Amino acid sequence: MAESDLGAAPPDDPTPEDRAAIVVRVLEQTIREGRNDPAVRSRAGRPGISFRDWQDVARIEIAAAIREAEAVIRSRRAFGTRIAMTVAACLVTVGFFGAAVSWGRVDRTLAAMASLAAGAGLFLAVMEIPLRRSARRGRARRRARKFENLRNLDRQVAVLERLLEDRRKALEDRLEGRDRLKL
């Protein structure tokens, strides 16, 4: 199949890299929560999440990402089919009533009203395309902003972790110094 047959995602939809980043973030969160929660224990009794449980979470998240991507493709195909059918129906309606008027078989007012309705339907169907594109671009901008906010938050957390680690070491050094003085 050609790439267009598969419904290739335009640049404003989540890229495979974006979807992978989301899955990695969920898995990372699962590992961190499992490592930090003393109630979570592996099957061997060690603290943290077991590799098998992590694999199960990974399998679920990857399958969800693939289902979401396939749903986007199905939605885009359905939209294209709906637009094509609407345009075809409107053009057939205009053609039918145009032919009926030219043969003198129908009242001109009725033909004008039917053609006006078909033209309005055609206009609305065609105007849906730029509206959907605009909405997708807005979602892409919001998604990019959220990813950037997450990256900034990750950087801030890393800085705070280093700061806390430095403080912990400094306090341990001070305690060791006090213990030496007492001896």
C-alpha atoms as a PDB file:
ATOM      1  CA  MET A   1       0.000   0.000   0.000  1.00  0.00           C
ATOM      2  CA  ALA A   2       1.126   3.518  -0.636  1.00  0.00           C
ATOM      3  CA  GLU A   3       1.816   5.827   2.301  1.00  0.00           C
ATOM      4  CA  SER A   4      -1.252   7.934   1.486  1.00  0.00           C
ATOM      5  CA  ASP A   5      -3.389   4.773   1.633  1.00  0.00           C
ATOM      6  CA  LEU A   6      -2.284   4.249   5.204  1.00  0.00           C
ATOM      7  CA  GLY A   7      -3.380   7.744   6.163  1.00  0.00           C
ATOM      8  CA  ALA A   8       0.039   9.224   6.906  1.00  0.00           C
ATOM      9  CA  ALA A   9      -0.171  11.652   9.774  1.00  0.00           C
ATOM     10  CA  PRO A  10       0.271  15.308   8.906  1.00  0.00           C
ATOM     11  CA  PRO A  11       2.896  17.230  10.856  1.00  0.00           C
ATOM     12  CA  ASP A  12       0.354  18.548  13.365  1.00  0.00           C
ATOM     13  CA  ASP A  13      -0.644  15.081  14.649  1.00  0.00           C
ATOM     14  CA  PRO A  14       1.425  13.310  17.289  1.00  0.00           C
ATOM     15  CA  THR A  15       4.496  11.874  15.658  1.00  0.00           C
ATOM     16  CA  PRO A  16       5.651   8.348  16.454  1.00  0.00           C
ATOM     17  CA  GLU A  17       8.395   9.978  18.533  1.00  0.00           C
ATOM     18  CA  ASP A  18       5.768  11.910  20.522  1.00  0.00           C
ATOM     19  CA  ARG A  19       3.792   8.753  21.125  1.00  0.00           C
ATOM     20  CA  ALA A  20       6.961   6.921  22.166  1.00  0.00           C
ATOM     21  CA  ALA A  21       7.863   9.766  24.541  1.00  0.00           C
ATOM     22  CA  ILE A  22       4.456   9.448  26.189  1.00  0.00           C
ATOM     23  CA  VAL A  23       4.865   5.689  26.617  1.00  0.00           C
ATOM     24  CA  VAL A  24       8.381   6.122  28.017  1.00  0.00           C
ATOM     25  CA  ARG A  25       7.129   8.760  30.452  1.00  0.00           C
ATOM     26  CA  VAL A  26       4.374   6.445  31.721  1.00  0.00           C
ATOM     27  CA  LEU A  27       6.852   3.589  32.136  1.00  0.00           C
ATOM     28  CA  GLU A  28       9.324   5.867  33.886  1.00  0.00           C
ATOM     29  CA  GLN A  29       6.594   7.020  36.261  1.00  0.00           C
ATOM     30  CA  THR A  30       5.642   3.394  36.962  1.00  0.00           C
ATOM     31  CA  ILE A  31       9.244   2.527  37.774  1.00  0.00           C
ATOM     32  CA  ARG A  32       9.731   5.591  39.982  1.00  0.00           C
ATOM     33  CA  GLU A  33       6.516   5.010  41.904  1.00  0.00           C
ATOM     34  CA  GLY A  34       7.345   1.333  42.332  1.00  0.00           C
ATOM     35  CA  ARG A  35      10.864   2.113  43.501  1.00  0.00           C
ATOM     36  CA  ASN A  36       9.794   4.775  45.982  1.00  0.00           C
ATOM     37  CA  ASP A  37       6.763   3.003  47.410  1.00  0.00           C
ATOM     38  CA  PRO A  38       7.785   0.571  50.142  1.00  0.00           C
ATOM     39  CA  ALA A  39       4.431  -1.219  49.840  1.00  0.00           C
ATOM     40  CA  VAL A  40       5.255  -2.244  46.253  1.00  0.00           C
ATOM     41  CA  ARG A  41       7.352  -5.385  46.239  1.00  0.00           C
ATOM     42  CA  SER A  42       8.473  -7.682  43.460  1.00  0.00           C
ATOM     43  CA  ARG A  43       7.544 -11.349  43.471  1.00  0.00           C
ATOM     44  CA  ALA A  44      10.966 -12.078  44.964  1.00  0.00           C
ATOM     45  CA  GLY A  45      10.139  -9.789  47.903  1.00  0.00           C
ATOM     46  CA  ARG A  46      12.509  -6.987  46.941  1.00  0.00           C
ATOM     47  CA  PRO A  47      11.245  -3.419  47.008  1.00  0.00           C
ATOM     48  CA  GLY A  48      10.197  -1.998  43.663  1.00  0.00           C
ATOM     49  CA  ILE A  49       8.313  -3.264  40.658  1.00  0.00           C
ATOM     50  CA  SER A  50       9.243  -6.606  39.150  1.00  0.00           C
ATOM     51  CA  PHE A  51      10.443  -6.827  35.577  1.00  0.00           C
ATOM     52  CA  ARG A  52       7.450  -8.967  34.623  1.00  0.00           C
ATOM     53  CA  ASP A  53       5.036  -6.345  36.023  1.00  0.00           C
ATOM     54  CA  TRP A  54       6.970  -3.644  34.204  1.00  0.00           C
ATOM     55  CA  GLN A  55       6.653  -5.647  30.971  1.00  0.00           C
ATOM     56  CA  ASP A  56       2.899  -5.934  31.505  1.00  0.00           C
ATOM     57  CA  VAL A  57       2.612  -2.165  31.968  1.00  0.00           C
ATOM     58  CA  ALA A  58       4.803  -1.594  28.897  1.00  0.00           C
ATOM     59  CA  ARG A  59       2.687  -3.961  26.798  1.00  0.00           C
ATOM     60  CA  ILE A  60      -0.527  -2.204  27.839  1.00  0.00           C
ATOM     61  CA  GLU A  61       0.854   1.289  27.168  1.00  0.00           C
ATOM     62  CA  ILE A  62       2.339   0.396  23.784  1.00  0.00           C
ATOM     63  CA  ALA A  63      -0.898  -1.288  22.701  1.00  0.00           C
ATOM     64  CA  ALA A  64      -2.860   1.800  23.780  1.00  0.00           C
ATOM     65  CA  ALA A  65      -0.553   4.067  21.749  1.00  0.00           C
ATOM     66  CA  ILE A  66      -0.945   1.856  18.672  1.00  0.00           C
ATOM     67  CA  ARG A  67      -4.750   1.754  19.081  1.00  0.00           C
ATOM     68  CA  GLU A  68      -4.825   5.547  19.349  1.00  0.00           C
ATOM     69  CA  ALA A  69      -2.760   5.933  16.156  1.00  0.00           C
ATOM     70  CA  GLU A  70      -5.017   3.487  14.303  1.00  0.00           C
ATOM     71  CA  ALA A  71      -8.105   5.365  15.523  1.00  0.00           C
ATOM     72  CA  VAL A  72      -6.702   8.591  14.071  1.00  0.00           C
ATOM     73  CA  ILE A  73      -6.188   6.861  10.723  1.00  0.00           C
ATOM     74  CA  ARG A  74      -9.732   5.419  10.740  1.00  0.00           C
ATOM     75  CA  SER A  75     -11.171   8.799  11.667  1.00  0.00           C
ATOM     76  CA  ARG A  76      -9.305  10.515   8.850  1.00  0.00           C
ATOM     77  CA  ARG A  77     -10.468   7.926   6.317  1.00  0.00           C
ATOM     78  CA  ALA A  78     -14.065   8.255   7.504  1.00  0.00           C
ATOM     79  CA  PHE A  79     -13.843  12.038   7.222  1.00  0.00           C
ATOM     80  CA  GLY A  80     -12.548  11.819   3.641  1.00  0.00           C
ATOM     81  CA  THR A  81     -15.274   9.381   2.679  1.00  0.00           C
ATOM     82  CA  ARG A  82     -17.959  11.547   4.274  1.00  0.00           C
ATOM     83  CA  ILE A  83     -16.743  14.677   2.453  1.00  0.00           C
ATOM     84  CA  ALA A  84     -16.567  12.843  -0.889  1.00  0.00           C
ATOM     85  CA  MET A  85     -20.071  11.417  -0.474  1.00  0.00           C
ATOM     86  CA  THR A  86     -21.494  14.805   0.536  1.00  0.00           C
ATOM     87  CA  VAL A  87     -19.875  16.577  -2.408  1.00  0.00           C
ATOM     88  CA  ALA A  88     -21.098  13.872  -4.797  1.00  0.00           C
ATOM     89  CA  ALA A  89     -24.664  14.024  -3.437  1.00  0.00           C
ATOM     90  CA  CYS A  90     -24.754  17.820  -3.730  1.00  0.00           C
ATOM     91  CA  LEU A  91     -23.441  17.786  -7.288  1.00  0.00           C
ATOM     92  CA  VAL A  92     -25.894  15.060  -8.311  1.00  0.00           C
ATOM     93  CA  THR A  93     -28.761  17.058  -6.779  1.00  0.00           C
ATOM     94  CA  VAL A  94     -27.782  20.217  -8.660  1.00  0.00           C
ATOM     95  CA  GLY A  95     -27.334  18.226 -11.885  1.00  0.00           C
ATOM     96  CA  PHE A  96     -30.651  16.432 -11.506  1.00  0.00           C
ATOM     97  CA  PHE A  97     -32.645  19.587 -10.911  1.00  0.00           C
ATOM     98  CA  GLY A  98     -30.731  21.430 -13.654  1.00  0.00           C
ATOM     99  CA  ALA A  99     -31.645  18.697 -16.139  1.00  0.00           C
ATOM    100  CA  ALA A 100     -35.255  18.657 -14.926  1.00  0.00           C
ATOM    101  CA  VAL A 101     -35.551  22.422 -15.432  1.00  0.00           C
ATOM    102  CA  SER A 102     -34.001  22.232 -18.889  1.00  0.00           C
ATOM    103  CA  TRP A 103     -36.560  19.614 -19.888  1.00  0.00           C
ATOM    104  CA  GLY A 104     -39.334  21.668 -18.369  1.00  0.00           C
ATOM    105  CA  ARG A 105     -40.456  18.868 -16.030  1.00  0.00           C
ATOM    106  CA  VAL A 106     -40.169  20.741 -12.732  1.00  0.00           C
ATOM    107  CA  ASP A 107     -41.067  24.148 -11.374  1.00  0.00           C
ATOM    108  CA  ARG A 108     -38.112  26.556 -11.464  1.00  0.00           C
ATOM    109  CA  THR A 109     -38.719  27.707  -7.891  1.00  0.00           C
ATOM    110  CA  LEU A 110     -38.488  24.150  -6.594  1.00  0.00           C
ATOM    111  CA  ALA A 111     -35.312  23.547  -8.623  1.00  0.00           C
ATOM    112  CA  ALA A 112     -33.809  26.796  -7.336  1.00  0.00           C
ATOM    113  CA  MET A 113     -34.568  25.886  -3.706  1.00  0.00           C
ATOM    114  CA  ALA A 114     -33.136  22.372  -4.120  1.00  0.00           C
ATOM    115  CA  SER A 115     -30.033  23.744  -5.842  1.00  0.00           C
ATOM    116  CA  LEU A 116     -29.629  26.364  -3.116  1.00  0.00           C
ATOM    117  CA  ALA A 117     -29.849  23.684  -0.420  1.00  0.00           C
ATOM    118  CA  ALA A 118     -27.371  21.479  -2.274  1.00  0.00           C
ATOM    119  CA  GLY A 119     -25.016  24.428  -2.732  1.00  0.00           C
ATOM    120  CA  ALA A 120     -25.215  25.261   0.983  1.00  0.00           C
ATOM    121  CA  GLY A 121     -24.485  21.630   1.832  1.00  0.00           C
ATOM    122  CA  LEU A 122     -21.532  21.654  -0.542  1.00  0.00           C
ATOM    123  CA  PHE A 123     -20.217  24.893   0.973  1.00  0.00           C
ATOM    124  CA  LEU A 124     -20.518  23.557   4.530  1.00  0.00           C
ATOM    125  CA  ALA A 125     -18.850  20.270   3.629  1.00  0.00           C
ATOM    126  CA  VAL A 126     -15.917  22.017   1.987  1.00  0.00           C
ATOM    127  CA  MET A 127     -15.585  24.539   4.849  1.00  0.00           C
ATOM    128  CA  GLU A 128     -15.207  21.704   7.337  1.00  0.00           C
ATOM    129  CA  ILE A 129     -11.763  20.920   5.898  1.00  0.00           C
ATOM    130  CA  PRO A 130      -9.994  24.157   6.970  1.00  0.00           C
ATOM    131  CA  LEU A 131     -11.859  24.161  10.294  1.00  0.00           C
ATOM    132  CA  ARG A 132     -10.627  20.659  11.112  1.00  0.00           C
ATOM    133  CA  ARG A 133      -7.099  21.566  10.018  1.00  0.00           C
ATOM    134  CA  SER A 134      -7.142  24.616  12.264  1.00  0.00           C
ATOM    135  CA  ALA A 135      -8.370  22.559  15.214  1.00  0.00           C
ATOM    136  CA  ARG A 136      -5.629  19.950  14.650  1.00  0.00           C
ATOM    137  CA  ARG A 137      -2.980  22.666  14.564  1.00  0.00           C
ATOM    138  CA  GLY A 138      -4.314  24.118  17.803  1.00  0.00           C
ATOM    139  CA  ARG A 139      -4.170  20.701  19.466  1.00  0.00           C
ATOM    140  CA  ALA A 140      -0.625  20.212  18.166  1.00  0.00           C
ATOM    141  CA  ARG A 141       0.462  23.569  19.624  1.00  0.00           C
ATOM    142  CA  ARG A 142      -1.108  22.722  22.993  1.00  0.00           C
ATOM    143  CA  ARG A 143       0.535  19.288  22.957  1.00  0.00           C
ATOM    144  CA  ALA A 144       3.940  20.809  22.135  1.00  0.00           C
ATOM    145  CA  ARG A 145       3.492  23.331  24.938  1.00  0.00           C
ATOM    146  CA  LYS A 146       2.626  20.534  27.384  1.00  0.00           C
ATOM    147  CA  PHE A 147       5.695  18.536  26.331  1.00  0.00           C
ATOM    148  CA  GLU A 148       7.884  21.587  26.808  1.00  0.00           C
ATOM    149  CA  ASN A 149       6.359  22.190  30.242  1.00  0.00           C
ATOM    150  CA  LEU A 150       7.068  18.564  31.156  1.00  0.00           C
ATOM    151  CA  ARG A 151      10.667  18.877  29.985  1.00  0.00           C
ATOM    152  CA  ASN A 152      11.105  22.038  32.045  1.00  0.00           C
ATOM    153  CA  LEU A 153       9.575  20.334  35.058  1.00  0.00           C
ATOM    154  CA  ASP A 154      11.918  17.360  34.600  1.00  0.00           C
ATOM    155  CA  ARG A 155      14.894  19.739  34.514  1.00  0.00           C
ATOM    156  CA  GLN A 156      13.702  21.483  37.667  1.00  0.00           C
ATOM    157  CA  VAL A 157      13.200  18.151  39.448  1.00  0.00           C
ATOM    158  CA  ALA A 158      16.707  17.033  38.430  1.00  0.00           C
ATOM    159  CA  VAL A 159      18.194  20.287  39.766  1.00  0.00           C
ATOM    160  CA  LEU A 160      16.270  19.915  43.018  1.00  0.00           C
ATOM    161  CA  GLU A 161      17.365  16.278  43.362  1.00  0.00           C
ATOM    162  CA  ARG A 162      21.009  17.315  42.939  1.00  0.00           C
ATOM    163  CA  LEU A 163      20.521  20.129  45.432  1.00  0.00           C
ATOM    164  CA  LEU A 164      18.963  17.787  47.972  1.00  0.00           C
ATOM    165  CA  GLU A 165      21.728  15.242  47.446  1.00  0.00           C
ATOM    166  CA  ASP A 166      24.365  17.958  48.003  1.00  0.00           C
ATOM    167  CA  ARG A 167      22.598  19.092  51.170  1.00  0.00           C
ATOM    168  CA  ARG A 168      22.355  15.502  52.410  1.00  0.00           C
ATOM    169  CA  LYS A 169      26.093  14.996  51.863  1.00  0.00           C
ATOM    170  CA  ALA A 170      26.894  18.289  53.588  1.00  0.00           C
ATOM    171  CA  LEU A 171      24.751  17.334  56.587  1.00  0.00           C
ATOM    172  CA  GLU A 172      26.361  13.892  56.744  1.00  0.00           C
ATOM    173  CA  ASP A 173      29.803  15.526  56.680  1.00  0.00           C
ATOM    174  CA  ARG A 174      28.777  17.872  59.496  1.00  0.00           C
ATOM    175  CA  LEU A 175      27.463  14.951  61.529  1.00  0.00           C
ATOM    176  CA  GLU A 176      30.674  13.000  60.955  1.00  0.00           C
ATOM    177  CA  GLY A 177      32.641  16.064  62.070  1.00  0.00           C
ATOM    178  CA  ARG A 178      30.617  16.279  65.273  1.00  0.00           C
ATOM    179  CA  ASP A 179      31.018  12.561  65.912  1.00  0.00           C
ATOM    180  CA  ARG A 180      34.819  12.902  65.541  1.00  0.00           C
ATOM    181  CA  LEU A 181      34.853  15.812  67.989  1.00  0.00           C
ATOM    182  CA  LYS A 182      32.946  13.768  70.575  1.00  0.00           C
ATOM    183  CA  LEU A 183      35.442  10.912  70.412  1.00  0.00           C
END
